[in-house]
Amino acid sequence: MPLLASIPSPSQGVWNLGPIPIRAYALCIVLGVVVAVWIGERRWRARGGAPGTVTDLAVWAVPFGLVGGRLYHVITDWQIYFGSDAPKRPIDALFIWEGGLGIWGAVALGALGVWIACRRRGISFTAVADTLAPGVAVAQAIGRWGNYFNQELFGGPTTLPWALEIEPGRPGTVPGASTYHPTFLYESLWDLALAGVLILAARRFGLRHGRVFALYIAGYTLGRFWIEGLRVDPAHEILGLRLNQWTSIVIFLCAVAYLLLSRNRTGEEPVGVLAGDGEGADPAHQRDQADEPELGGGEAGGPPTAQEDTTATDGTGPASVDSASVDSASAGSDDAPADSGEGDRAPAGAGATGDGGTMPEPEAGRR
């Protein structure tokens, strides 16, 4: 006897808290957004961006994404709401909590909202897209469980041990069959694996300038094409393929084309002004940092650095500049802090641990 005969479906997807209905579908969407923002914030700070940026961008992305997802669903399945024998009323097209979001419209309009917000903040849209891509994949993995509670978007009949039980009479059910492919679970697991691949690929290959996001699009559409072919719910078909399969093909090719065309793209992607040491932001530090921690902090007694100690004080007046020290310093190292001391000014060529204090190593180069 198999250890697991089938996966039972929830008996309900709505719970009433007094007069307020709590819908599992909406909770999955909200939880996915929260997790995506949390992941995005961590990755954005690691990249050198200011804390809170991703949260601010989500204020634009979420409403745009919801509208786009619902529009795509209603446009491609208009007969459900506006046909002569439509099972639902036209007003039901606004009831997003009952299910029905097209991922293509959600990503497209959500990206538009992020682009507008990036333009307003003066930060790189491609840097943001790369940062958010793994979190978006995780959000999709969580959101798919809303279809589980609604008993919708399942696959064809199967007797596999992980088959999903669906109540008879629901749209897409087959007479005589009671268990179906749990396509919601397939896509959820695919999205989680994709998120891991994106993080590893970004670190291993240093993908920038929108290439991580393009890889997310290519990876998602590849899995979606296969999963879509398992579904049996009514859908528009063209030459034997469902509409979403054709959409997956087109978007996959566009993503691969972008990866190829942008493979040699370089340049700075501004991520905003980094916060200073409690004294505001320093425009000199506007740069695009790698996801890994920045190298720095040399050993004591090491060779002189480009940021030599060029100032000293006499204990009472302002710091003065030693011309010999200036000559020994590299050009452009003007953001080294001035050290104050009680003795004579540090001589040119002093080591990293002279009387003027420990000097920082040169800042790691931009990548």
Protein backbone atom coordinates (compact mmCIF):
# COMPACT_ATOMS: atom_id res chain seq x y z
CA MET A 1 0.00 0.00 0.00
CA PRO A 2 1.53 3.36 -0.93
CA LEU A 3 2.59 5.62 1.89
CA LEU A 4 0.57 8.47 0.40
CA ALA A 5 -2.49 7.60 -1.69
CA SER A 6 -3.29 11.18 -2.71
CA ILE A 7 -3.19 14.80 -1.56
CA PRO A 8 -6.54 15.92 -0.15
CA SER A 9 -7.81 19.36 -1.09
CA PRO A 10 -8.87 21.80 1.64
CA SER A 11 -12.53 21.61 2.55
CA GLN A 12 -12.74 25.39 2.42
CA GLY A 13 -10.70 28.39 1.33
CA VAL A 14 -12.60 31.10 3.19
CA TRP A 15 -12.99 31.67 6.91
CA ASN A 16 -15.32 34.28 8.34
CA LEU A 17 -14.03 36.49 11.11
CA GLY A 18 -17.36 37.95 12.07
CA PRO A 19 -18.57 39.86 9.00
CA ILE A 20 -15.07 39.84 7.46
CA PRO A 21 -14.19 36.95 5.11
CA ILE A 22 -10.57 35.76 5.34
CA ARG A 23 -9.62 34.19 2.03
CA ALA A 24 -6.68 31.80 1.71
CA TYR A 25 -5.98 32.97 -1.85
CA ALA A 26 -5.51 36.57 -0.71
CA LEU A 27 -3.39 35.48 2.27
CA CYS A 28 -1.04 33.56 -0.03
CA ILE A 29 -0.63 36.60 -2.28
CA VAL A 30 0.05 38.91 0.68
CA LEU A 31 2.50 36.46 2.27
CA GLY A 32 4.34 36.14 -1.04
CA VAL A 33 4.69 39.91 -1.33
CA VAL A 34 5.99 40.21 2.25
CA VAL A 35 8.61 37.50 1.71
CA ALA A 36 9.67 39.00 -1.63
CA VAL A 37 10.17 42.43 -0.05
CA TRP A 38 12.14 40.91 2.83
CA ILE A 39 14.46 39.03 0.47
CA GLY A 40 14.79 42.07 -1.78
CA GLU A 41 15.70 44.35 1.13
CA ARG A 42 18.50 42.03 2.26
CA ARG A 43 19.91 41.72 -1.24
CA TRP A 44 19.61 45.47 -1.89
CA ARG A 45 21.53 46.37 1.27
CA ALA A 46 24.19 43.80 0.38
CA ARG A 47 24.52 45.53 -2.98
CA GLY A 48 25.11 48.88 -1.29
CA GLY A 49 21.64 50.38 -1.50
CA ALA A 50 19.90 52.32 1.23
CA PRO A 51 17.65 50.37 3.62
CA GLY A 52 13.94 50.77 2.96
CA THR A 53 14.32 51.25 -0.78
CA VAL A 54 12.67 47.96 -1.76
CA THR A 55 9.78 48.62 0.60
CA ASP A 56 9.22 51.99 -1.06
CA LEU A 57 9.36 50.40 -4.51
CA ALA A 58 6.81 47.79 -3.45
CA VAL A 59 4.30 50.58 -2.90
CA TRP A 60 4.41 51.07 -6.66
CA ALA A 61 4.96 47.47 -7.76
CA VAL A 62 2.16 45.74 -5.85
CA PRO A 63 -0.85 47.76 -7.06
CA PHE A 64 0.51 47.89 -10.61
CA GLY A 65 1.12 44.14 -10.51
CA LEU A 66 -2.36 43.31 -9.19
CA VAL A 67 -4.03 45.43 -11.84
CA GLY A 68 -1.87 43.95 -14.58
CA GLY A 69 -2.43 40.39 -13.43
CA ARG A 70 -6.18 40.83 -13.27
CA LEU A 71 -6.31 42.57 -16.66
CA TYR A 72 -4.44 39.74 -18.33
CA HIS A 73 -6.77 37.18 -16.77
CA VAL A 74 -9.95 39.02 -17.74
CA ILE A 75 -8.74 39.75 -21.29
CA THR A 76 -7.66 36.18 -22.02
CA ASP A 77 -10.69 34.62 -20.28
CA TRP A 78 -13.26 37.27 -21.13
CA GLN A 79 -15.94 34.67 -21.87
CA ILE A 80 -16.08 33.80 -18.16
CA TYR A 81 -17.40 37.28 -17.38
CA PHE A 82 -18.83 38.73 -20.60
CA GLY A 83 -19.91 35.80 -22.77
CA SER A 84 -23.55 35.09 -23.62
CA ASP A 85 -23.54 32.09 -21.29
CA ALA A 86 -20.85 33.39 -18.91
CA PRO A 87 -20.81 31.56 -15.55
CA LYS A 88 -19.94 34.82 -13.77
CA ARG A 89 -21.27 38.36 -13.79
CA PRO A 90 -19.26 41.21 -15.37
CA ILE A 91 -18.86 42.81 -11.93
CA ASP A 92 -17.09 39.63 -10.77
CA ALA A 93 -14.13 40.63 -12.93
CA LEU A 94 -13.22 43.03 -10.12
CA PHE A 95 -13.32 40.37 -7.39
CA ILE A 96 -9.63 39.56 -7.37
CA TRP A 97 -9.89 37.66 -4.07
CA GLU A 98 -11.86 34.92 -5.83
CA GLY A 99 -8.83 33.97 -7.89
CA GLY A 100 -7.65 34.78 -11.38
CA LEU A 101 -4.30 36.55 -11.84
CA GLY A 102 -2.22 36.27 -15.01
CA ILE A 103 1.46 36.21 -14.12
CA TRP A 104 2.42 37.81 -17.44
CA GLY A 105 0.33 40.90 -16.76
CA ALA A 106 1.41 41.03 -13.13
CA VAL A 107 5.12 41.02 -13.98
CA ALA A 108 4.73 43.45 -16.90
CA LEU A 109 2.76 46.14 -15.05
CA GLY A 110 4.59 45.48 -11.80
CA ALA A 111 7.86 46.13 -13.62
CA LEU A 112 6.38 49.34 -15.03
CA GLY A 113 5.56 50.51 -11.52
CA VAL A 114 9.11 49.74 -10.37
CA TRP A 115 10.56 51.56 -13.38
CA ILE A 116 8.56 54.69 -12.55
CA ALA A 117 9.69 54.54 -8.92
CA CYS A 118 13.34 54.03 -9.93
CA ARG A 119 13.18 57.06 -12.22
CA ARG A 120 11.81 59.15 -9.38
CA ARG A 121 14.58 58.02 -7.01
CA GLY A 122 17.42 58.18 -9.53
CA ILE A 123 18.49 54.55 -9.16
CA SER A 124 19.17 51.86 -11.74
CA PHE A 125 16.12 49.89 -12.84
CA THR A 126 18.25 46.94 -13.99
CA ALA A 127 20.03 46.81 -10.62
CA VAL A 128 16.67 46.72 -8.86
CA ALA A 129 15.30 44.06 -11.24
CA ASP A 130 18.31 41.81 -10.63
CA THR A 131 17.97 42.29 -6.89
CA LEU A 132 14.26 41.48 -6.82
CA ALA A 133 14.26 38.48 -9.18
CA PRO A 134 14.87 35.69 -6.61
CA GLY A 135 12.29 37.16 -4.23
CA VAL A 136 9.72 37.38 -7.02
CA ALA A 137 10.24 33.69 -7.78
CA VAL A 138 9.71 32.82 -4.10
CA ALA A 139 6.58 34.99 -4.02
CA GLN A 140 5.17 33.05 -6.97
CA ALA A 141 5.93 29.78 -5.20
CA ILE A 142 3.92 30.94 -2.19
CA GLY A 143 1.11 32.48 -4.23
CA ARG A 144 0.48 29.22 -6.13
CA TRP A 145 -0.84 27.68 -2.91
CA GLY A 146 -3.84 29.97 -3.29
CA ASN A 147 -4.85 27.81 -6.28
CA TYR A 148 -4.65 24.78 -3.98
CA PHE A 149 -7.18 26.28 -1.57
CA ASN A 150 -9.43 27.30 -4.49
CA GLN A 151 -9.14 23.84 -6.14
CA GLU A 152 -8.29 25.35 -9.51
CA LEU A 153 -5.67 25.16 -12.26
CA PHE A 154 -4.95 21.47 -11.69
CA GLY A 155 -3.62 19.05 -14.29
CA GLY A 156 -5.00 16.00 -15.99
CA PRO A 157 -6.21 12.84 -14.22
CA THR A 158 -3.52 10.68 -12.61
CA THR A 159 -3.17 7.93 -10.02
CA LEU A 160 0.34 8.89 -8.89
CA PRO A 161 0.91 8.81 -5.11
CA TRP A 162 1.01 12.62 -5.02
CA ALA A 163 -2.20 13.06 -7.06
CA LEU A 164 -4.49 15.87 -5.94
CA GLU A 165 -8.07 15.20 -4.93
CA ILE A 166 -10.56 17.58 -6.59
CA GLU A 167 -14.26 17.79 -5.89
CA PRO A 168 -16.38 16.53 -8.83
CA GLY A 169 -18.11 19.18 -10.90
CA ARG A 170 -15.41 21.85 -10.67
CA PRO A 171 -14.25 23.49 -13.95
CA GLY A 172 -11.74 21.21 -15.64
CA THR A 173 -12.72 17.98 -13.89
CA VAL A 174 -13.11 14.82 -15.95
CA PRO A 175 -16.12 12.52 -15.41
CA GLY A 176 -15.07 9.44 -13.48
CA ALA A 177 -11.76 10.94 -12.27
CA SER A 178 -11.20 12.12 -8.72
CA THR A 179 -7.42 12.73 -8.58
CA TYR A 180 -5.36 15.03 -10.81
CA HIS A 181 -1.82 16.33 -11.30
CA PRO A 182 -1.11 18.99 -8.62
CA THR A 183 0.25 21.55 -11.06
CA PHE A 184 0.19 24.20 -8.32
CA LEU A 185 2.73 22.08 -6.42
CA TYR A 186 4.87 21.48 -9.51
CA GLU A 187 5.10 25.20 -10.20
CA SER A 188 5.71 26.07 -6.55
CA LEU A 189 8.68 23.68 -6.35
CA TRP A 190 9.98 24.87 -9.74
CA ASP A 191 9.89 28.50 -8.58
CA LEU A 192 11.74 27.71 -5.35
CA ALA A 193 14.45 25.86 -7.26
CA LEU A 194 14.64 28.75 -9.74
CA ALA A 195 15.18 31.25 -6.92
CA GLY A 196 18.15 29.19 -5.71
CA VAL A 197 19.61 29.03 -9.23
CA LEU A 198 19.31 32.81 -9.62
CA ILE A 199 21.19 33.49 -6.39
CA LEU A 200 23.97 31.03 -7.24
CA ALA A 201 24.29 32.26 -10.84
CA ALA A 202 24.49 35.89 -9.73
CA ARG A 203 27.34 35.08 -7.35
CA ARG A 204 29.17 32.66 -9.62
CA PHE A 205 29.05 34.66 -12.85
CA GLY A 206 28.62 38.21 -11.54
CA LEU A 207 25.46 38.79 -13.58
CA ARG A 208 24.46 42.46 -13.76
CA HIS A 209 22.53 44.91 -15.94
CA GLY A 210 19.26 42.96 -15.87
CA ARG A 211 20.75 39.57 -16.68
CA VAL A 212 19.58 37.98 -13.43
CA PHE A 213 16.04 39.11 -14.14
CA ALA A 214 16.28 37.86 -17.73
CA LEU A 215 17.46 34.50 -16.39
CA TYR A 216 14.46 34.44 -14.07
CA ILE A 217 12.12 35.09 -17.01
CA ALA A 218 13.77 32.38 -19.12
CA GLY A 219 13.73 29.86 -16.27
CA TYR A 220 10.14 30.54 -15.30
CA THR A 221 8.77 30.35 -18.84
CA LEU A 222 10.66 27.10 -19.44
CA GLY A 223 8.93 25.46 -16.50
CA ARG A 224 5.60 27.12 -17.20
CA PHE A 225 5.53 25.69 -20.74
CA TRP A 226 5.80 22.15 -19.36
CA ILE A 227 3.37 22.68 -16.48
CA GLU A 228 0.82 24.43 -18.70
CA GLY A 229 0.75 21.36 -20.95
CA LEU A 230 -0.48 19.26 -18.00
CA ARG A 231 -3.52 21.42 -17.31
CA VAL A 232 -7.00 20.43 -18.47
CA ASP A 233 -9.04 23.48 -17.56
CA PRO A 234 -10.63 25.29 -20.53
CA ALA A 235 -8.23 27.60 -22.39
CA HIS A 236 -7.70 29.17 -25.81
CA GLU A 237 -5.57 27.00 -28.08
CA ILE A 238 -3.54 27.80 -31.18
CA LEU A 239 -2.16 24.95 -33.31
CA GLY A 240 -2.66 22.49 -30.48
CA LEU A 241 -0.91 24.58 -27.81
CA ARG A 242 -2.57 26.56 -25.06
CA LEU A 243 -2.31 30.35 -25.24
CA ASN A 244 -0.06 30.47 -22.15
CA GLN A 245 2.31 28.01 -23.82
CA TRP A 246 2.68 30.28 -26.82
CA THR A 247 3.18 33.22 -24.48
CA SER A 248 5.89 31.25 -22.68
CA ILE A 249 7.69 30.55 -25.97
CA VAL A 250 7.70 34.19 -27.05
CA ILE A 251 8.81 35.55 -23.68
CA PHE A 252 11.47 32.83 -23.32
CA LEU A 253 13.00 33.79 -26.67
CA CYS A 254 12.97 37.48 -25.69
CA ALA A 255 14.72 36.72 -22.39
CA VAL A 256 17.40 34.60 -24.08
CA ALA A 257 17.94 37.31 -26.70
CA TYR A 258 18.45 39.89 -23.94
CA LEU A 259 20.96 37.62 -22.19
CA LEU A 260 22.97 37.31 -25.40
CA LEU A 261 22.80 40.96 -26.39
CA SER A 262 23.74 42.24 -22.92
CA ARG A 263 26.50 39.74 -22.15
CA ASN A 264 29.24 42.34 -22.66
CA ARG A 265 27.39 45.26 -21.13
CA THR A 266 29.33 47.08 -18.43
CA GLY A 267 29.12 50.35 -16.59
CA GLU A 268 27.90 51.70 -13.31
CA GLU A 269 24.39 50.99 -12.07
CA PRO A 270 23.61 53.66 -9.45
CA VAL A 271 21.97 52.23 -6.35
CA GLY A 272 21.50 55.52 -4.53
CA VAL A 273 23.47 57.37 -1.90
CA LEU A 274 25.01 55.28 0.82
CA ALA A 275 24.48 56.47 4.37
CA GLY A 276 27.51 57.96 6.10
CA ASP A 277 28.67 57.32 9.66
CA GLY A 278 25.66 58.93 11.26
CA GLU A 279 26.23 62.22 9.45
CA GLY A 280 24.09 61.80 6.36
CA ALA A 281 25.06 60.59 2.95
CA ASP A 282 28.31 61.17 1.07
CA PRO A 283 27.84 61.60 -2.69
CA ALA A 284 31.42 60.41 -3.25
CA HIS A 285 30.26 56.94 -2.25
CA GLN A 286 27.56 56.52 -4.89
CA ARG A 287 28.59 53.24 -6.45
CA ASP A 288 27.35 49.82 -7.41
CA GLN A 289 28.73 47.28 -4.97
CA ALA A 290 28.94 43.54 -5.45
CA ASP A 291 26.65 41.22 -3.55
CA GLU A 292 29.62 39.92 -1.59
CA PRO A 293 31.00 42.00 1.31
CA GLU A 294 33.44 44.63 0.11
CA LEU A 295 37.10 43.87 0.65
CA GLY A 296 39.03 46.19 2.91
CA GLY A 297 40.75 46.61 6.23
CA GLY A 298 44.47 45.96 5.72
CA GLU A 299 46.85 44.49 8.22
CA ALA A 300 48.84 46.64 10.61
CA GLY A 301 52.33 47.46 9.46
CA GLY A 302 51.47 47.01 5.80
CA PRO A 303 52.72 49.16 2.91
CA PRO A 304 51.58 52.75 2.52
CA THR A 305 48.22 53.21 0.86
CA ALA A 306 46.88 55.68 -1.66
CA GLN A 307 44.96 57.34 1.16
CA GLU A 308 48.05 58.57 3.14
CA ASP A 309 47.66 60.76 6.20
CA THR A 310 48.19 64.20 4.74
CA THR A 311 46.97 66.31 7.66
CA ALA A 312 47.96 67.01 11.21
CA THR A 313 47.10 69.48 13.92
CA ASP A 314 49.16 71.44 16.39
CA GLY A 315 46.62 70.68 19.11
CA THR A 316 44.94 74.08 18.94
CA GLY A 317 44.39 75.16 15.36
CA PRO A 318 43.02 73.68 12.17
CA ALA A 319 44.79 70.87 10.36
CA SER A 320 47.60 71.86 7.98
CA VAL A 321 48.75 70.06 4.87
CA ASP A 322 52.23 68.69 4.41
CA SER A 323 53.20 69.14 0.77
CA ALA A 324 55.58 66.21 0.91
CA SER A 325 52.76 63.96 2.07
CA VAL A 326 50.50 65.23 -0.70
CA ASP A 327 53.16 64.42 -3.30
CA SER A 328 53.44 60.88 -1.97
CA ALA A 329 49.68 60.26 -2.07
CA SER A 330 47.93 58.97 -5.20
CA ALA A 331 45.84 61.31 -7.20
CA GLY A 332 42.13 61.11 -6.53
CA SER A 333 42.34 59.80 -2.92
CA ASP A 334 40.56 62.83 -1.57
CA ASP A 335 37.99 61.02 0.54
CA ALA A 336 40.44 59.82 3.19
CA PRO A 337 39.51 61.33 6.57
CA ALA A 338 41.86 63.80 8.26
CA ASP A 339 43.42 62.39 11.42
CA SER A 340 44.10 64.60 14.42
CA GLY A 341 47.04 64.08 16.77
CA GLU A 342 49.04 65.77 19.49
CA GLY A 343 52.53 65.35 18.02
CA ASP A 344 54.23 66.47 14.85
CA ARG A 345 52.58 65.85 11.54
CA ALA A 346 53.16 62.39 10.04
CA PRO A 347 56.04 62.26 7.55
CA ALA A 348 55.49 61.27 3.95
CA GLY A 349 55.69 57.56 3.31
CA ALA A 350 54.64 56.59 6.82
CA GLY A 351 53.39 53.05 7.32
CA ALA A 352 49.79 51.99 7.81
CA THR A 353 50.14 52.37 11.58
CA GLY A 354 51.95 55.68 12.00
CA ASP A 355 51.48 58.23 14.77
CA GLY A 356 48.50 59.65 12.93
CA GLY A 357 46.45 56.47 13.49
CA THR A 358 45.68 53.34 11.52
CA MET A 359 45.06 54.07 7.86
CA PRO A 360 42.38 52.17 5.87
CA GLU A 361 43.24 49.98 2.92
CA PRO A 362 42.23 51.25 -0.53
CA GLU A 363 38.60 50.75 -1.30
CA ALA A 364 37.81 47.66 -3.37
CA GLY A 365 37.36 48.41 -7.05
CA ARG A 366 34.02 48.63 -8.74
CA ARG A 367 32.74 45.56 -10.44
